[in-house]
N, C-alpha and C. Protein backbone atom coordinates (compact mmCIF):
# COMPACT_ATOMS: atom_id res chain seq x y z
N MET A 1 12.18 52.58 91.36
CA MET A 1 12.30 52.16 89.97
C MET A 1 10.95 52.34 89.28
N ASN A 2 11.01 52.72 88.02
CA ASN A 2 9.80 53.00 87.25
C ASN A 2 9.77 52.08 86.03
N LEU A 3 8.97 51.04 86.11
CA LEU A 3 8.88 50.08 85.00
C LEU A 3 7.75 50.49 84.06
N PHE A 4 7.84 51.71 83.60
CA PHE A 4 6.87 52.27 82.67
C PHE A 4 7.17 51.77 81.26
N THR A 5 6.13 51.44 80.54
CA THR A 5 6.29 50.96 79.16
C THR A 5 5.93 52.08 78.19
N THR A 6 6.87 52.43 77.35
CA THR A 6 6.63 53.43 76.33
C THR A 6 5.86 52.81 75.18
N PRO A 7 4.72 53.37 74.81
CA PRO A 7 4.00 52.82 73.65
C PRO A 7 4.86 52.91 72.40
N GLY A 8 4.89 51.84 71.65
CA GLY A 8 5.66 51.83 70.41
C GLY A 8 4.83 52.34 69.25
N LYS A 9 5.51 52.80 68.23
CA LYS A 9 4.87 53.21 66.98
C LYS A 9 5.38 52.28 65.90
N PHE A 10 4.47 51.63 65.20
CA PHE A 10 4.88 50.65 64.20
C PHE A 10 5.85 51.27 63.20
N GLY A 11 6.95 50.58 62.96
CA GLY A 11 7.94 51.02 61.98
C GLY A 11 8.95 52.02 62.52
N VAL A 12 8.79 52.46 63.76
CA VAL A 12 9.72 53.42 64.36
C VAL A 12 10.68 52.66 65.25
N ARG A 13 11.95 52.90 65.05
CA ARG A 13 12.99 52.24 65.84
C ARG A 13 13.82 53.32 66.54
N PRO A 14 13.42 53.64 67.77
CA PRO A 14 14.14 54.70 68.49
C PRO A 14 15.55 54.26 68.87
N PRO A 15 16.42 55.23 69.13
CA PRO A 15 17.79 54.90 69.53
C PRO A 15 17.79 54.07 70.82
N VAL A 16 18.66 53.07 70.86
CA VAL A 16 18.74 52.16 71.99
C VAL A 16 20.02 52.46 72.78
N THR A 17 19.87 52.55 74.07
CA THR A 17 21.03 52.69 74.97
C THR A 17 21.19 51.38 75.71
N LYS A 18 22.37 50.80 75.63
CA LYS A 18 22.62 49.53 76.31
C LYS A 18 22.52 49.73 77.83
N PRO A 19 22.19 48.66 78.54
CA PRO A 19 22.12 48.76 80.00
C PRO A 19 23.49 49.05 80.60
N ASN A 20 23.47 49.58 81.79
CA ASN A 20 24.71 49.79 82.53
C ASN A 20 25.35 48.42 82.78
N PRO A 21 26.62 48.23 82.43
CA PRO A 21 27.29 46.93 82.64
C PRO A 21 27.27 46.48 84.11
N GLU A 22 27.08 47.42 85.02
CA GLU A 22 27.00 47.06 86.44
C GLU A 22 25.79 46.16 86.72
N PHE A 23 24.77 46.22 85.86
CA PHE A 23 23.62 45.33 86.03
C PHE A 23 24.11 43.87 86.01
N LEU A 24 24.90 43.52 85.03
CA LEU A 24 25.45 42.17 84.92
C LEU A 24 26.41 41.88 86.06
N GLN A 25 27.24 42.84 86.40
CA GLN A 25 28.21 42.63 87.48
C GLN A 25 27.50 42.32 88.79
N GLU A 26 26.42 43.05 89.08
CA GLU A 26 25.69 42.82 90.32
C GLU A 26 24.88 41.53 90.26
N LEU A 27 24.27 41.25 89.13
CA LEU A 27 23.41 40.08 89.00
C LEU A 27 24.22 38.80 88.85
N THR A 28 25.33 38.87 88.19
CA THR A 28 26.23 37.77 87.80
C THR A 28 25.65 37.04 86.59
N GLU A 29 26.52 36.36 85.89
CA GLU A 29 26.08 35.63 84.70
C GLU A 29 25.09 34.53 85.09
N GLU A 30 25.35 33.84 86.18
CA GLU A 30 24.43 32.78 86.63
C GLU A 30 23.06 33.38 86.98
N GLY A 31 23.06 34.51 87.67
CA GLY A 31 21.81 35.17 88.01
C GLY A 31 21.06 35.64 86.78
N PHE A 32 21.81 36.08 85.76
CA PHE A 32 21.20 36.53 84.51
C PHE A 32 20.51 35.36 83.82
N ARG A 33 21.18 34.22 83.80
CA ARG A 33 20.60 33.03 83.17
C ARG A 33 19.33 32.60 83.91
N GLU A 34 19.33 32.74 85.22
CA GLU A 34 18.14 32.42 86.00
C GLU A 34 17.00 33.39 85.68
N LEU A 35 17.33 34.68 85.56
CA LEU A 35 16.33 35.69 85.22
C LEU A 35 15.69 35.37 83.87
N VAL A 36 16.50 35.09 82.88
CA VAL A 36 15.98 34.78 81.54
C VAL A 36 15.16 33.49 81.56
N SER A 37 15.62 32.49 82.29
CA SER A 37 14.87 31.25 82.39
C SER A 37 13.51 31.49 83.03
N ASN A 38 13.48 32.26 84.10
CA ASN A 38 12.21 32.58 84.75
C ASN A 38 11.30 33.38 83.83
N HIS A 39 11.89 34.28 83.05
CA HIS A 39 11.13 35.06 82.08
C HIS A 39 10.47 34.13 81.06
N TYR A 40 11.23 33.20 80.54
CA TYR A 40 10.70 32.27 79.55
C TYR A 40 9.62 31.38 80.15
N GLU A 41 9.76 31.01 81.41
CA GLU A 41 8.73 30.19 82.04
C GLU A 41 7.42 30.97 82.14
N LEU A 42 7.50 32.27 82.41
CA LEU A 42 6.29 33.10 82.41
C LEU A 42 5.70 33.19 81.00
N LEU A 43 6.57 33.36 80.02
CA LEU A 43 6.11 33.45 78.63
C LEU A 43 5.42 32.16 78.20
N LYS A 44 5.93 31.05 78.69
CA LYS A 44 5.38 29.74 78.35
C LYS A 44 3.91 29.63 78.75
N GLU A 45 3.53 30.34 79.79
CA GLU A 45 2.16 30.29 80.31
C GLU A 45 1.32 31.48 79.82
N SER A 46 1.88 32.29 78.95
CA SER A 46 1.21 33.51 78.52
C SER A 46 0.46 33.32 77.20
N ASP A 47 -0.24 34.36 76.80
CA ASP A 47 -0.95 34.33 75.53
C ASP A 47 -0.04 34.51 74.31
N ILE A 48 1.26 34.67 74.54
CA ILE A 48 2.20 34.74 73.42
C ILE A 48 3.12 33.51 73.40
N ALA A 49 2.74 32.46 74.12
CA ALA A 49 3.54 31.23 74.16
C ALA A 49 3.80 30.69 72.76
N HIS A 50 2.86 30.93 71.84
CA HIS A 50 3.00 30.42 70.47
C HIS A 50 4.22 30.99 69.74
N LEU A 51 4.79 32.06 70.27
CA LEU A 51 5.99 32.65 69.65
C LEU A 51 7.28 31.94 70.09
N PHE A 52 7.16 30.98 70.99
CA PHE A 52 8.32 30.30 71.56
C PHE A 52 8.15 28.80 71.39
N PRO A 53 9.25 28.06 71.34
CA PRO A 53 9.16 26.60 71.12
C PRO A 53 8.79 25.85 72.40
N VAL A 54 7.61 26.14 72.92
CA VAL A 54 7.21 25.61 74.23
C VAL A 54 6.89 24.11 74.21
N ASN A 55 6.70 23.53 73.06
CA ASN A 55 6.34 22.11 72.99
C ASN A 55 7.53 21.19 72.76
N ASP A 56 8.72 21.76 72.74
CA ASP A 56 9.93 20.97 72.56
C ASP A 56 10.93 21.40 73.64
N GLU A 57 11.15 20.53 74.62
CA GLU A 57 11.99 20.90 75.77
C GLU A 57 13.39 21.34 75.37
N LYS A 58 14.00 20.62 74.44
CA LYS A 58 15.37 20.97 74.03
C LYS A 58 15.39 22.33 73.32
N GLU A 59 14.46 22.53 72.39
CA GLU A 59 14.41 23.81 71.68
C GLU A 59 14.11 24.96 72.65
N PHE A 60 13.24 24.70 73.62
CA PHE A 60 12.90 25.73 74.60
C PHE A 60 14.12 26.06 75.46
N ALA A 61 14.86 25.04 75.88
CA ALA A 61 16.09 25.26 76.65
C ALA A 61 17.12 26.01 75.81
N ASP A 62 17.22 25.66 74.54
CA ASP A 62 18.14 26.36 73.64
C ASP A 62 17.74 27.83 73.48
N ALA A 63 16.43 28.08 73.36
CA ALA A 63 15.95 29.47 73.22
C ALA A 63 16.30 30.27 74.46
N LYS A 64 16.14 29.69 75.63
CA LYS A 64 16.53 30.35 76.88
C LYS A 64 18.02 30.69 76.88
N LYS A 65 18.83 29.69 76.48
CA LYS A 65 20.28 29.90 76.45
C LYS A 65 20.67 31.01 75.48
N HIS A 66 20.08 31.00 74.29
CA HIS A 66 20.41 32.03 73.30
C HIS A 66 19.99 33.41 73.80
N ALA A 67 18.81 33.49 74.41
CA ALA A 67 18.35 34.78 74.94
C ALA A 67 19.26 35.27 76.05
N ALA A 68 19.65 34.38 76.94
CA ALA A 68 20.56 34.77 78.03
C ALA A 68 21.92 35.18 77.46
N ASP A 69 22.42 34.42 76.50
CA ASP A 69 23.70 34.76 75.88
C ASP A 69 23.64 36.16 75.27
N PHE A 70 22.55 36.46 74.58
CA PHE A 70 22.40 37.77 73.96
C PHE A 70 22.38 38.88 75.02
N MET A 71 21.55 38.71 76.03
CA MET A 71 21.41 39.74 77.06
C MET A 71 22.72 39.94 77.83
N ILE A 72 23.42 38.86 78.12
CA ILE A 72 24.71 38.96 78.81
C ILE A 72 25.69 39.75 77.95
N GLN A 73 25.71 39.46 76.66
CA GLN A 73 26.60 40.17 75.74
C GLN A 73 26.22 41.66 75.68
N ILE A 74 24.93 41.96 75.60
CA ILE A 74 24.47 43.35 75.53
C ILE A 74 24.89 44.13 76.77
N CYS A 75 24.94 43.43 77.90
CA CYS A 75 25.30 44.09 79.16
C CYS A 75 26.81 44.13 79.38
N GLY A 76 27.58 43.83 78.34
CA GLY A 76 29.03 43.96 78.44
C GLY A 76 29.75 42.70 78.88
N GLY A 77 29.02 41.59 78.94
CA GLY A 77 29.64 40.34 79.35
C GLY A 77 30.29 39.62 78.19
N PRO A 78 30.69 38.38 78.43
CA PRO A 78 31.31 37.58 77.37
C PRO A 78 30.41 37.49 76.14
N ARG A 79 31.02 37.37 74.99
CA ARG A 79 30.30 37.38 73.72
C ARG A 79 29.84 35.95 73.34
N HIS A 80 29.15 35.32 74.28
CA HIS A 80 28.66 33.95 74.06
C HIS A 80 27.73 33.88 72.85
N PHE A 81 26.85 34.85 72.71
CA PHE A 81 25.89 34.81 71.61
C PHE A 81 26.61 34.86 70.27
N GLU A 82 27.50 35.80 70.14
CA GLU A 82 28.24 35.95 68.89
C GLU A 82 29.05 34.70 68.58
N ALA A 83 29.65 34.10 69.60
CA ALA A 83 30.46 32.90 69.40
C ALA A 83 29.62 31.72 68.92
N SER A 84 28.40 31.61 69.41
CA SER A 84 27.59 30.44 69.04
C SER A 84 26.61 30.70 67.90
N ARG A 85 26.18 31.96 67.73
CA ARG A 85 25.11 32.24 66.77
C ARG A 85 25.50 33.27 65.70
N GLY A 86 26.66 33.89 65.85
CA GLY A 86 27.06 34.93 64.91
C GLY A 86 26.56 36.29 65.36
N ALA A 87 26.63 37.26 64.47
CA ALA A 87 26.19 38.62 64.80
C ALA A 87 24.72 38.59 65.22
N PRO A 88 24.34 39.38 66.22
CA PRO A 88 22.97 39.32 66.73
C PRO A 88 21.88 39.54 65.69
N ARG A 89 21.88 40.61 64.94
CA ARG A 89 20.85 40.89 63.93
C ARG A 89 19.46 40.44 64.40
N MET A 90 19.05 40.96 65.57
CA MET A 90 17.83 40.48 66.21
C MET A 90 16.56 40.78 65.40
N VAL A 91 16.53 41.88 64.70
CA VAL A 91 15.34 42.19 63.89
C VAL A 91 15.14 41.08 62.85
N GLY A 92 16.19 40.70 62.18
CA GLY A 92 16.10 39.64 61.19
C GLY A 92 15.77 38.29 61.79
N ARG A 93 16.34 38.00 62.94
CA ARG A 93 16.09 36.72 63.60
C ARG A 93 14.63 36.59 64.02
N HIS A 94 13.99 37.72 64.33
CA HIS A 94 12.60 37.69 64.78
C HIS A 94 11.60 37.87 63.64
N GLU A 95 12.09 38.11 62.45
CA GLU A 95 11.21 38.37 61.30
C GLU A 95 10.20 37.25 61.02
N PRO A 96 10.57 35.98 61.20
CA PRO A 96 9.58 34.92 60.91
C PRO A 96 8.37 34.90 61.86
N PHE A 97 8.46 35.62 62.95
CA PHE A 97 7.39 35.61 63.95
C PHE A 97 6.56 36.88 63.86
N ALA A 98 5.26 36.74 63.91
CA ALA A 98 4.35 37.90 63.87
C ALA A 98 4.32 38.53 65.27
N ILE A 99 5.13 39.56 65.46
CA ILE A 99 5.23 40.22 66.76
C ILE A 99 4.49 41.54 66.68
N THR A 100 3.41 41.61 67.43
CA THR A 100 2.58 42.82 67.48
C THR A 100 2.95 43.64 68.72
N GLU A 101 2.37 44.82 68.79
CA GLU A 101 2.59 45.67 69.97
C GLU A 101 2.09 44.98 71.23
N SER A 102 0.97 44.29 71.17
CA SER A 102 0.48 43.62 72.39
C SER A 102 1.40 42.47 72.79
N ALA A 103 1.99 41.78 71.82
CA ALA A 103 2.96 40.72 72.14
C ALA A 103 4.18 41.35 72.83
N ARG A 104 4.63 42.48 72.33
CA ARG A 104 5.74 43.20 72.94
C ARG A 104 5.40 43.56 74.39
N LEU A 105 4.20 44.08 74.59
CA LEU A 105 3.80 44.50 75.93
C LEU A 105 3.73 43.30 76.88
N ARG A 106 3.25 42.16 76.40
CA ARG A 106 3.21 40.96 77.24
C ARG A 106 4.62 40.52 77.60
N TRP A 107 5.53 40.54 76.62
CA TRP A 107 6.94 40.17 76.85
C TRP A 107 7.53 41.06 77.94
N LEU A 108 7.28 42.37 77.83
CA LEU A 108 7.78 43.30 78.84
C LEU A 108 7.11 43.07 80.19
N GLU A 109 5.82 42.80 80.18
CA GLU A 109 5.09 42.56 81.43
C GLU A 109 5.71 41.40 82.21
N CYS A 110 6.13 40.38 81.50
CA CYS A 110 6.76 39.23 82.16
C CYS A 110 8.08 39.63 82.81
N TYR A 111 8.85 40.49 82.17
CA TYR A 111 10.06 41.00 82.81
C TYR A 111 9.70 41.89 84.00
N ALA A 112 8.67 42.71 83.85
CA ALA A 112 8.27 43.62 84.93
C ALA A 112 7.86 42.86 86.18
N MET A 113 7.37 41.65 86.03
CA MET A 113 7.02 40.82 87.18
C MET A 113 8.27 40.34 87.92
N LEU A 114 9.37 40.19 87.21
CA LEU A 114 10.58 39.60 87.78
C LEU A 114 11.60 40.61 88.30
N LEU A 115 11.69 41.74 87.64
CA LEU A 115 12.77 42.68 87.98
C LEU A 115 12.73 43.21 89.40
N PRO A 116 11.57 43.55 89.96
CA PRO A 116 11.59 44.04 91.35
C PRO A 116 12.19 43.03 92.34
N GLY A 117 12.08 41.76 92.04
CA GLY A 117 12.65 40.73 92.91
C GLY A 117 14.17 40.69 92.91
N LEU A 118 14.79 41.44 92.01
CA LEU A 118 16.25 41.48 91.96
C LEU A 118 16.84 42.53 92.89
N SER A 119 15.99 43.35 93.50
CA SER A 119 16.49 44.51 94.25
C SER A 119 17.32 44.13 95.48
N ASN A 120 17.31 42.87 95.87
CA ASN A 120 18.19 42.46 96.97
C ASN A 120 19.61 42.21 96.48
N LYS A 121 19.82 42.11 95.16
CA LYS A 121 21.14 41.87 94.58
C LYS A 121 21.62 43.01 93.70
N VAL A 122 20.66 43.68 93.06
CA VAL A 122 20.97 44.68 92.03
C VAL A 122 20.38 46.02 92.45
N SER A 123 21.14 47.08 92.26
CA SER A 123 20.64 48.41 92.63
C SER A 123 19.44 48.78 91.76
N ASN A 124 18.55 49.55 92.33
CA ASN A 124 17.38 50.01 91.57
C ASN A 124 17.81 50.78 90.32
N GLU A 125 18.88 51.53 90.43
CA GLU A 125 19.39 52.30 89.28
C GLU A 125 19.78 51.37 88.13
N ASN A 126 20.42 50.25 88.45
CA ASN A 126 20.83 49.32 87.40
C ASN A 126 19.66 48.49 86.88
N ILE A 127 18.70 48.18 87.73
CA ILE A 127 17.48 47.53 87.25
C ILE A 127 16.77 48.47 86.28
N GLN A 128 16.71 49.74 86.63
CA GLN A 128 16.07 50.73 85.75
C GLN A 128 16.80 50.82 84.42
N SER A 129 18.12 50.77 84.45
CA SER A 129 18.91 50.82 83.23
C SER A 129 18.58 49.63 82.32
N PHE A 130 18.45 48.45 82.91
CA PHE A 130 18.11 47.26 82.13
C PHE A 130 16.69 47.39 81.58
N TRP A 131 15.75 47.83 82.41
CA TRP A 131 14.37 48.01 81.96
C TRP A 131 14.31 49.02 80.81
N ASP A 132 15.01 50.12 80.94
CA ASP A 132 14.98 51.14 79.90
C ASP A 132 15.47 50.57 78.57
N TYR A 133 16.49 49.71 78.64
CA TYR A 133 16.97 49.05 77.44
C TYR A 133 15.87 48.14 76.85
N LEU A 134 15.29 47.29 77.69
CA LEU A 134 14.25 46.36 77.22
C LEU A 134 13.09 47.12 76.59
N ASN A 135 12.69 48.21 77.21
CA ASN A 135 11.56 49.00 76.76
C ASN A 135 11.78 49.51 75.32
N VAL A 136 12.98 49.95 75.02
CA VAL A 136 13.26 50.46 73.68
C VAL A 136 13.61 49.32 72.72
N PHE A 137 14.46 48.40 73.15
CA PHE A 137 14.86 47.27 72.31
C PHE A 137 13.62 46.52 71.80
N SER A 138 12.66 46.31 72.68
CA SER A 138 11.46 45.55 72.30
C SER A 138 10.66 46.24 71.20
N GLN A 139 10.76 47.56 71.12
CA GLN A 139 10.06 48.27 70.04
C GLN A 139 10.61 47.89 68.68
N TRP A 140 11.88 47.57 68.62
CA TRP A 140 12.52 47.17 67.37
C TRP A 140 12.00 45.83 66.87
N MET A 141 11.51 44.99 67.78
CA MET A 141 11.09 43.63 67.41
C MET A 141 9.68 43.58 66.82
N VAL A 142 8.88 44.62 67.05
CA VAL A 142 7.50 44.63 66.54
C VAL A 142 7.56 44.70 65.01
N ASN A 143 6.99 43.69 64.37
CA ASN A 143 7.06 43.60 62.92
C ASN A 143 5.71 43.37 62.26
N THR A 144 4.65 43.41 63.05
CA THR A 144 3.31 43.16 62.54
C THR A 144 2.37 44.20 63.09
N GLN A 145 1.66 44.88 62.20
CA GLN A 145 0.71 45.91 62.67
C GLN A 145 -0.46 45.25 63.38
N GLY A 146 -1.10 46.04 64.17
CA GLY A 146 -2.22 45.52 64.95
C GLY A 146 -1.82 45.46 66.40
N PHE A 147 -2.80 45.28 67.23
CA PHE A 147 -2.52 45.31 68.65
C PHE A 147 -2.66 43.94 69.29
N THR A 148 -3.27 42.99 68.62
CA THR A 148 -3.46 41.68 69.24
C THR A 148 -2.39 40.72 68.74
N ALA A 149 -2.00 39.83 69.64
CA ALA A 149 -1.00 38.83 69.27
C ALA A 149 -1.62 37.87 68.26
N LYS A 150 -0.88 37.59 67.19
CA LYS A 150 -1.36 36.67 66.17
C LYS A 150 -0.83 35.27 66.47
N GLN A 151 -1.64 34.29 66.13
CA GLN A 151 -1.20 32.91 66.35
C GLN A 151 -0.92 32.23 65.02
């Protein structure tokens, strides 16, 4: 598996290919929720923690749930996100937060730390498919020029 990060270009939103649905099938919904929770725990200790509600346990738990719901839906699972939050419109949802290229890279780095550990449950091909999605999807979220994360 190659967890290479493609440098983003501010204002460019490349075409996104959804992950192979087999990623979710192999990981399971419960495993996906654990992955997202672990990702958020890494983010909580990172230099981009200010982008997440880390000081409010309920809001932080809700953010984990919403993120897992979204990712599960993207991977072809139940439409939990849409049922609870409406249409994803992730660019708009992230607009209030100053997301720079370096914040994007840190977000991806936290996933890159976790994904290799899934290889006992998920094929490398499907992990790669999920990574490739994250790599491009995350470029869409960058909404602030500059390379350093803003607080």
